[in-house]
Amino acid sequence: MPVEVSLTSFLDYAAATGEAKVRKVADAKQQYAEGYMRRYDYWRDLRLAIVDVHEQARPVRELRKLLNKCRPKQVANYTAAVEAYEKWAARKSLQSVGKRRARWVHGDLTVHVNPELVLEIDGTPHVIKLYFKRERLSGSRLGLSLHLLQTTVAKGAKACVLDVQAGKLHTASAPTPAMDALLAGEADLFVRLWNAI
């Protein structure tokens, strides 16, 4: 049975180990069965605000307006993320150059690869996936993210993941065939687990 998931859902699973993989697939399956629910999308408002600021060519400091509208439990985390994003964006020429969307397909699994930003940074195009979580961005998650971005949507641009909390932009190096084999194995296992749960 074919399965379609977001890049984030697939990466949450792929970066997990052991029994945690089963939990990640079960969580994803439940979320997709219920349909989109904001409770699963803690960073939605900030993610959309960052996209909007760049698409409307407004100053990054306007992200601070969001802090007056967010829920009390979000204030501390959103404030830290906005400050880190402002620091990263400072003294850079950032211009939105549209959107890019793609699908990565292996067997019965389709992963929707939808980076939030496509920016010219100081004149060079960058396709950027935003990472908001406080947990350290693991090497395996980063490697898989960059590879999927690079091989699907980053034609003529640099594939990047921006760790918003750390204010650090990670850029892909040359793709490796071994990463394709790893992704194929992860996709096969994901579908088997999905169908078994």
C-alpha atoms as a PDB file:
ATOM      1  CA  MET A   1       0.000   0.000   0.000  1.00  0.00           C
ATOM      2  CA  PRO A   2       1.521   3.384  -1.011  1.00  0.00           C
ATOM      3  CA  VAL A   3       2.468   5.784   1.799  1.00  0.00           C
ATOM      4  CA  GLU A   4       2.970   9.565   1.526  1.00  0.00           C
ATOM      5  CA  VAL A   5       4.619  11.609   4.268  1.00  0.00           C
ATOM      6  CA  SER A   6       6.369  14.920   4.784  1.00  0.00           C
ATOM      7  CA  LEU A   7      10.136  15.270   4.856  1.00  0.00           C
ATOM      8  CA  THR A   8       9.947  16.037   8.588  1.00  0.00           C
ATOM      9  CA  SER A   9       7.994  12.848   9.351  1.00  0.00           C
ATOM     10  CA  PHE A  10      10.436  10.739   7.375  1.00  0.00           C
ATOM     11  CA  LEU A  11      13.487  12.367   8.955  1.00  0.00           C
ATOM     12  CA  ASP A  12      12.086  11.989  12.484  1.00  0.00           C
ATOM     13  CA  TYR A  13      11.874   8.265  11.752  1.00  0.00           C
ATOM     14  CA  ALA A  14      15.192   7.923   9.894  1.00  0.00           C
ATOM     15  CA  ALA A  15      17.170   9.708  12.629  1.00  0.00           C
ATOM     16  CA  ALA A  16      15.696   7.462  15.342  1.00  0.00           C
ATOM     17  CA  THR A  17      17.275   4.177  16.410  1.00  0.00           C
ATOM     18  CA  GLY A  18      15.925   0.822  17.530  1.00  0.00           C
ATOM     19  CA  GLU A  19      12.390   0.758  18.911  1.00  0.00           C
ATOM     20  CA  ALA A  20      12.148   4.535  18.587  1.00  0.00           C
ATOM     21  CA  LYS A  21      11.777   3.996  14.834  1.00  0.00           C
ATOM     22  CA  VAL A  22       8.581   2.037  15.458  1.00  0.00           C
ATOM     23  CA  ARG A  23       7.225   4.826  17.680  1.00  0.00           C
ATOM     24  CA  LYS A  24       8.018   7.474  15.055  1.00  0.00           C
ATOM     25  CA  VAL A  25       6.177   5.535  12.353  1.00  0.00           C
ATOM     26  CA  ALA A  26       3.210   4.920  14.693  1.00  0.00           C
ATOM     27  CA  ASP A  27       3.101   8.632  15.599  1.00  0.00           C
ATOM     28  CA  ALA A  28       3.219   9.639  11.930  1.00  0.00           C
ATOM     29  CA  LYS A  29       0.501   7.166  10.978  1.00  0.00           C
ATOM     30  CA  GLN A  30      -1.771   8.475  13.742  1.00  0.00           C
ATOM     31  CA  GLN A  31      -1.160  12.097  12.740  1.00  0.00           C
ATOM     32  CA  TYR A  32      -1.960  11.434   9.090  1.00  0.00           C
ATOM     33  CA  ALA A  33      -5.087   9.458  10.038  1.00  0.00           C
ATOM     34  CA  GLU A  34      -6.340  12.390  12.126  1.00  0.00           C
ATOM     35  CA  GLY A  35      -5.487  14.982   9.484  1.00  0.00           C
ATOM     36  CA  TYR A  36      -3.614  18.224  10.112  1.00  0.00           C
ATOM     37  CA  MET A  37      -3.885  19.376  13.712  1.00  0.00           C
ATOM     38  CA  ARG A  38      -2.101  22.437  15.038  1.00  0.00           C
ATOM     39  CA  ARG A  39      -1.207  20.694  18.280  1.00  0.00           C
ATOM     40  CA  TYR A  40       1.378  18.701  16.335  1.00  0.00           C
ATOM     41  CA  ASP A  41       2.859  21.842  14.767  1.00  0.00           C
ATOM     42  CA  TYR A  42       4.374  23.889  17.598  1.00  0.00           C
ATOM     43  CA  TRP A  43       6.558  26.037  15.312  1.00  0.00           C
ATOM     44  CA  ARG A  44       3.926  26.682  12.615  1.00  0.00           C
ATOM     45  CA  ASP A  45       3.346  30.382  13.349  1.00  0.00           C
ATOM     46  CA  LEU A  46       7.038  31.268  13.392  1.00  0.00           C
ATOM     47  CA  ARG A  47       7.769  29.161  10.324  1.00  0.00           C
ATOM     48  CA  LEU A  48       5.026  30.935   8.367  1.00  0.00           C
ATOM     49  CA  ALA A  49       6.132  34.344   9.670  1.00  0.00           C
ATOM     50  CA  ILE A  50       9.713  33.769   8.499  1.00  0.00           C
ATOM     51  CA  VAL A  51       8.486  32.748   5.043  1.00  0.00           C
ATOM     52  CA  ASP A  52       6.143  35.751   4.887  1.00  0.00           C
ATOM     53  CA  VAL A  53       8.815  38.253   5.929  1.00  0.00           C
ATOM     54  CA  HIS A  54      11.062  37.139   3.100  1.00  0.00           C
ATOM     55  CA  GLU A  55       8.351  36.758   0.460  1.00  0.00           C
ATOM     56  CA  GLN A  56       7.033  40.250   1.251  1.00  0.00           C
ATOM     57  CA  ALA A  57      10.598  41.679   1.378  1.00  0.00           C
ATOM     58  CA  ARG A  58      10.001  43.083   4.856  1.00  0.00           C
ATOM     59  CA  PRO A  59      12.670  43.568   7.543  1.00  0.00           C
ATOM     60  CA  VAL A  60      13.474  40.471   9.610  1.00  0.00           C
ATOM     61  CA  ARG A  61      12.912  42.490  12.805  1.00  0.00           C
ATOM     62  CA  GLU A  62       9.171  42.352  12.026  1.00  0.00           C
ATOM     63  CA  LEU A  63       9.241  38.772  13.326  1.00  0.00           C
ATOM     64  CA  ARG A  64       9.126  40.320  16.787  1.00  0.00           C
ATOM     65  CA  LYS A  65       5.472  41.258  16.198  1.00  0.00           C
ATOM     66  CA  LEU A  66       4.658  37.564  16.406  1.00  0.00           C
ATOM     67  CA  LEU A  67       5.858  37.450  20.020  1.00  0.00           C
ATOM     68  CA  ASN A  68       2.849  39.548  21.083  1.00  0.00           C
ATOM     69  CA  LYS A  69       0.446  37.033  19.496  1.00  0.00           C
ATOM     70  CA  CYS A  70       1.865  33.666  20.508  1.00  0.00           C
ATOM     71  CA  ARG A  71       0.521  31.526  23.338  1.00  0.00           C
ATOM     72  CA  PRO A  72       2.089  32.050  26.789  1.00  0.00           C
ATOM     73  CA  LYS A  73       3.761  28.625  26.686  1.00  0.00           C
ATOM     74  CA  GLN A  74       5.469  29.581  23.424  1.00  0.00           C
ATOM     75  CA  VAL A  75       6.848  32.978  24.398  1.00  0.00           C
ATOM     76  CA  ALA A  76      10.236  31.879  25.737  1.00  0.00           C
ATOM     77  CA  ASN A  77      10.981  29.445  22.908  1.00  0.00           C
ATOM     78  CA  TYR A  78       9.696  31.753  20.182  1.00  0.00           C
ATOM     79  CA  THR A  79      11.665  34.694  21.600  1.00  0.00           C
ATOM     80  CA  ALA A  80      14.909  32.683  21.623  1.00  0.00           C
ATOM     81  CA  ALA A  81      14.279  31.436  18.074  1.00  0.00           C
ATOM     82  CA  VAL A  82      13.449  34.914  16.738  1.00  0.00           C
ATOM     83  CA  GLU A  83      16.588  36.366  18.334  1.00  0.00           C
ATOM     84  CA  ALA A  84      18.730  33.566  16.887  1.00  0.00           C
ATOM     85  CA  TYR A  85      17.176  34.029  13.432  1.00  0.00           C
ATOM     86  CA  GLU A  86      17.727  37.790  13.547  1.00  0.00           C
ATOM     87  CA  LYS A  87      21.366  37.233  14.497  1.00  0.00           C
ATOM     88  CA  TRP A  88      21.840  34.770  11.620  1.00  0.00           C
ATOM     89  CA  ALA A  89      20.167  37.098   9.091  1.00  0.00           C
ATOM     90  CA  ALA A  90      22.064  40.209  10.232  1.00  0.00           C
ATOM     91  CA  ARG A  91      24.328  41.818   7.648  1.00  0.00           C
ATOM     92  CA  LYS A  92      23.239  39.407   4.903  1.00  0.00           C
ATOM     93  CA  SER A  93      21.488  40.378   1.712  1.00  0.00           C
ATOM     94  CA  LEU A  94      18.489  38.006   1.668  1.00  0.00           C
ATOM     95  CA  GLN A  95      16.047  37.958  -1.226  1.00  0.00           C
ATOM     96  CA  SER A  96      13.228  35.461  -1.741  1.00  0.00           C
ATOM     97  CA  VAL A  97      13.336  33.872  -5.188  1.00  0.00           C
ATOM     98  CA  GLY A  98      10.181  31.761  -5.074  1.00  0.00           C
ATOM     99  CA  LYS A  99       9.344  28.276  -3.870  1.00  0.00           C
ATOM    100  CA  ARG A 100      10.490  24.814  -4.815  1.00  0.00           C
ATOM    101  CA  ARG A 101       8.614  21.626  -4.153  1.00  0.00           C
ATOM    102  CA  ALA A 102       9.442  18.048  -5.098  1.00  0.00           C
ATOM    103  CA  ARG A 103       8.708  14.444  -4.239  1.00  0.00           C
ATOM    104  CA  TRP A 104      11.240  11.741  -3.481  1.00  0.00           C
ATOM    105  CA  VAL A 105       9.851   8.330  -4.352  1.00  0.00           C
ATOM    106  CA  HIS A 106      11.215   4.914  -3.487  1.00  0.00           C
ATOM    107  CA  GLY A 107       9.004   1.867  -3.889  1.00  0.00           C
ATOM    108  CA  ASP A 108       5.726   2.511  -2.082  1.00  0.00           C
ATOM    109  CA  LEU A 109       7.006   5.567  -0.187  1.00  0.00           C
ATOM    110  CA  THR A 110       6.619   9.159  -1.355  1.00  0.00           C
ATOM    111  CA  VAL A 111       8.313  11.883   0.687  1.00  0.00           C
ATOM    112  CA  HIS A 112       7.195  15.461   0.049  1.00  0.00           C
ATOM    113  CA  VAL A 113      10.292  17.667   0.045  1.00  0.00           C
ATOM    114  CA  ASN A 114       9.083  21.205   0.682  1.00  0.00           C
ATOM    115  CA  PRO A 115      11.829  23.538   1.885  1.00  0.00           C
ATOM    116  CA  GLU A 116      10.445  26.660   3.520  1.00  0.00           C
ATOM    117  CA  LEU A 117      12.782  29.149   1.866  1.00  0.00           C
ATOM    118  CA  VAL A 118      14.508  29.710  -1.438  1.00  0.00           C
ATOM    119  CA  LEU A 119      16.714  32.733  -0.833  1.00  0.00           C
ATOM    120  CA  GLU A 120      19.476  34.468  -2.652  1.00  0.00           C
ATOM    121  CA  ILE A 121      22.055  35.031   0.053  1.00  0.00           C
ATOM    122  CA  ASP A 122      24.520  37.655  -1.057  1.00  0.00           C
ATOM    123  CA  GLY A 123      23.603  36.788  -4.660  1.00  0.00           C
ATOM    124  CA  THR A 124      23.806  32.967  -4.450  1.00  0.00           C
ATOM    125  CA  PRO A 125      20.580  30.881  -4.460  1.00  0.00           C
ATOM    126  CA  HIS A 126      20.027  28.663  -1.410  1.00  0.00           C
ATOM    127  CA  VAL A 127      17.219  26.140  -0.862  1.00  0.00           C
ATOM    128  CA  ILE A 128      16.674  26.097   2.911  1.00  0.00           C
ATOM    129  CA  LYS A 129      14.855  23.702   5.221  1.00  0.00           C
ATOM    130  CA  LEU A 130      14.279  25.231   8.663  1.00  0.00           C
ATOM    131  CA  TYR A 131      15.048  23.142  11.749  1.00  0.00           C
ATOM    132  CA  PHE A 132      13.508  24.519  14.950  1.00  0.00           C
ATOM    133  CA  LYS A 133      13.835  21.797  17.568  1.00  0.00           C
ATOM    134  CA  ARG A 134      15.947  22.351  20.689  1.00  0.00           C
ATOM    135  CA  GLU A 135      17.478  18.888  20.347  1.00  0.00           C
ATOM    136  CA  ARG A 136      20.846  19.009  18.676  1.00  0.00           C
ATOM    137  CA  LEU A 137      20.634  18.460  14.925  1.00  0.00           C
ATOM    138  CA  SER A 138      22.147  14.988  14.612  1.00  0.00           C
ATOM    139  CA  GLY A 139      24.664  14.178  11.921  1.00  0.00           C
ATOM    140  CA  SER A 140      22.471  11.459  10.420  1.00  0.00           C
ATOM    141  CA  ARG A 141      19.394  13.699  10.253  1.00  0.00           C
ATOM    142  CA  LEU A 142      21.441  16.518   8.754  1.00  0.00           C
ATOM    143  CA  GLY A 143      23.080  14.264   6.176  1.00  0.00           C
ATOM    144  CA  LEU A 144      19.784  12.748   5.058  1.00  0.00           C
ATOM    145  CA  SER A 145      18.092  16.172   4.924  1.00  0.00           C
ATOM    146  CA  LEU A 146      20.816  17.732   2.828  1.00  0.00           C
ATOM    147  CA  HIS A 147      20.976  14.758   0.481  1.00  0.00           C
ATOM    148  CA  LEU A 148      17.217  14.737  -0.144  1.00  0.00           C
ATOM    149  CA  LEU A 149      17.179  18.494  -0.705  1.00  0.00           C
ATOM    150  CA  GLN A 150      20.187  18.331  -3.001  1.00  0.00           C
ATOM    151  CA  THR A 151      18.871  15.508  -5.165  1.00  0.00           C
ATOM    152  CA  THR A 152      15.287  16.788  -5.491  1.00  0.00           C
ATOM    153  CA  VAL A 153      14.877  20.578  -5.295  1.00  0.00           C
ATOM    154  CA  ALA A 154      18.295  22.211  -5.218  1.00  0.00           C
ATOM    155  CA  LYS A 155      19.175  22.195  -8.922  1.00  0.00           C
ATOM    156  CA  GLY A 156      21.309  25.289  -9.502  1.00  0.00           C
ATOM    157  CA  ALA A 157      21.195  26.225  -5.812  1.00  0.00           C
ATOM    158  CA  LYS A 158      22.916  25.272  -2.576  1.00  0.00           C
ATOM    159  CA  ALA A 159      20.987  22.761  -0.465  1.00  0.00           C
ATOM    160  CA  CYS A 160      20.903  23.900   3.159  1.00  0.00           C
ATOM    161  CA  VAL A 161      19.410  23.237   6.572  1.00  0.00           C
ATOM    162  CA  LEU A 162      19.205  26.202   8.914  1.00  0.00           C
ATOM    163  CA  ASP A 163      19.339  25.234  12.581  1.00  0.00           C
ATOM    164  CA  VAL A 164      17.285  28.204  13.745  1.00  0.00           C
ATOM    165  CA  GLN A 165      17.982  27.773  17.475  1.00  0.00           C
ATOM    166  CA  ALA A 166      21.749  27.666  16.886  1.00  0.00           C
ATOM    167  CA  GLY A 167      21.694  30.268  14.107  1.00  0.00           C
ATOM    168  CA  LYS A 168      23.793  27.950  11.944  1.00  0.00           C
ATOM    169  CA  LEU A 169      23.389  27.262   8.227  1.00  0.00           C
ATOM    170  CA  HIS A 170      24.555  23.802   7.114  1.00  0.00           C
ATOM    171  CA  THR A 171      25.284  23.382   3.406  1.00  0.00           C
ATOM    172  CA  ALA A 172      25.448  20.149   1.407  1.00  0.00           C
ATOM    173  CA  SER A 173      28.676  18.810  -0.031  1.00  0.00           C
ATOM    174  CA  ALA A 174      28.829  16.481  -3.038  1.00  0.00           C
ATOM    175  CA  PRO A 175      26.138  13.761  -3.007  1.00  0.00           C
ATOM    176  CA  THR A 176      27.265  10.189  -2.368  1.00  0.00           C
ATOM    177  CA  PRO A 177      25.806   6.962  -3.822  1.00  0.00           C
ATOM    178  CA  ALA A 178      26.013   5.357  -0.372  1.00  0.00           C
ATOM    179  CA  MET A 179      23.445   7.879   0.890  1.00  0.00           C
ATOM    180  CA  ASP A 180      21.020   6.749  -1.829  1.00  0.00           C
ATOM    181  CA  ALA A 181      21.380   3.158  -0.631  1.00  0.00           C
ATOM    182  CA  LEU A 182      20.820   4.199   2.987  1.00  0.00           C
ATOM    183  CA  LEU A 183      17.675   6.159   2.073  1.00  0.00           C
ATOM    184  CA  ALA A 184      16.343   3.228   0.066  1.00  0.00           C
ATOM    185  CA  GLY A 185      16.771   0.895   3.043  1.00  0.00           C
ATOM    186  CA  GLU A 186      15.125   3.382   5.417  1.00  0.00           C
ATOM    187  CA  ALA A 187      12.205   3.842   2.995  1.00  0.00           C
ATOM    188  CA  ASP A 188      11.645   0.087   2.696  1.00  0.00           C
ATOM    189  CA  LEU A 189      11.628  -0.351   6.472  1.00  0.00           C
ATOM    190  CA  PHE A 190       9.350   2.669   6.950  1.00  0.00           C
ATOM    191  CA  VAL A 191       6.715   1.168   4.642  1.00  0.00           C
ATOM    192  CA  ARG A 192       6.987  -2.268   6.268  1.00  0.00           C
ATOM    193  CA  LEU A 193       6.506  -0.774   9.733  1.00  0.00           C
ATOM    194  CA  TRP A 194       3.654   1.463   8.531  1.00  0.00           C
ATOM    195  CA  ASN A 195       1.782  -1.519   7.096  1.00  0.00           C
ATOM    196  CA  ALA A 196       2.467  -3.658  10.175  1.00  0.00           C
ATOM    197  CA  ILE A 197       1.162  -1.157  12.751  1.00  0.00           C
END
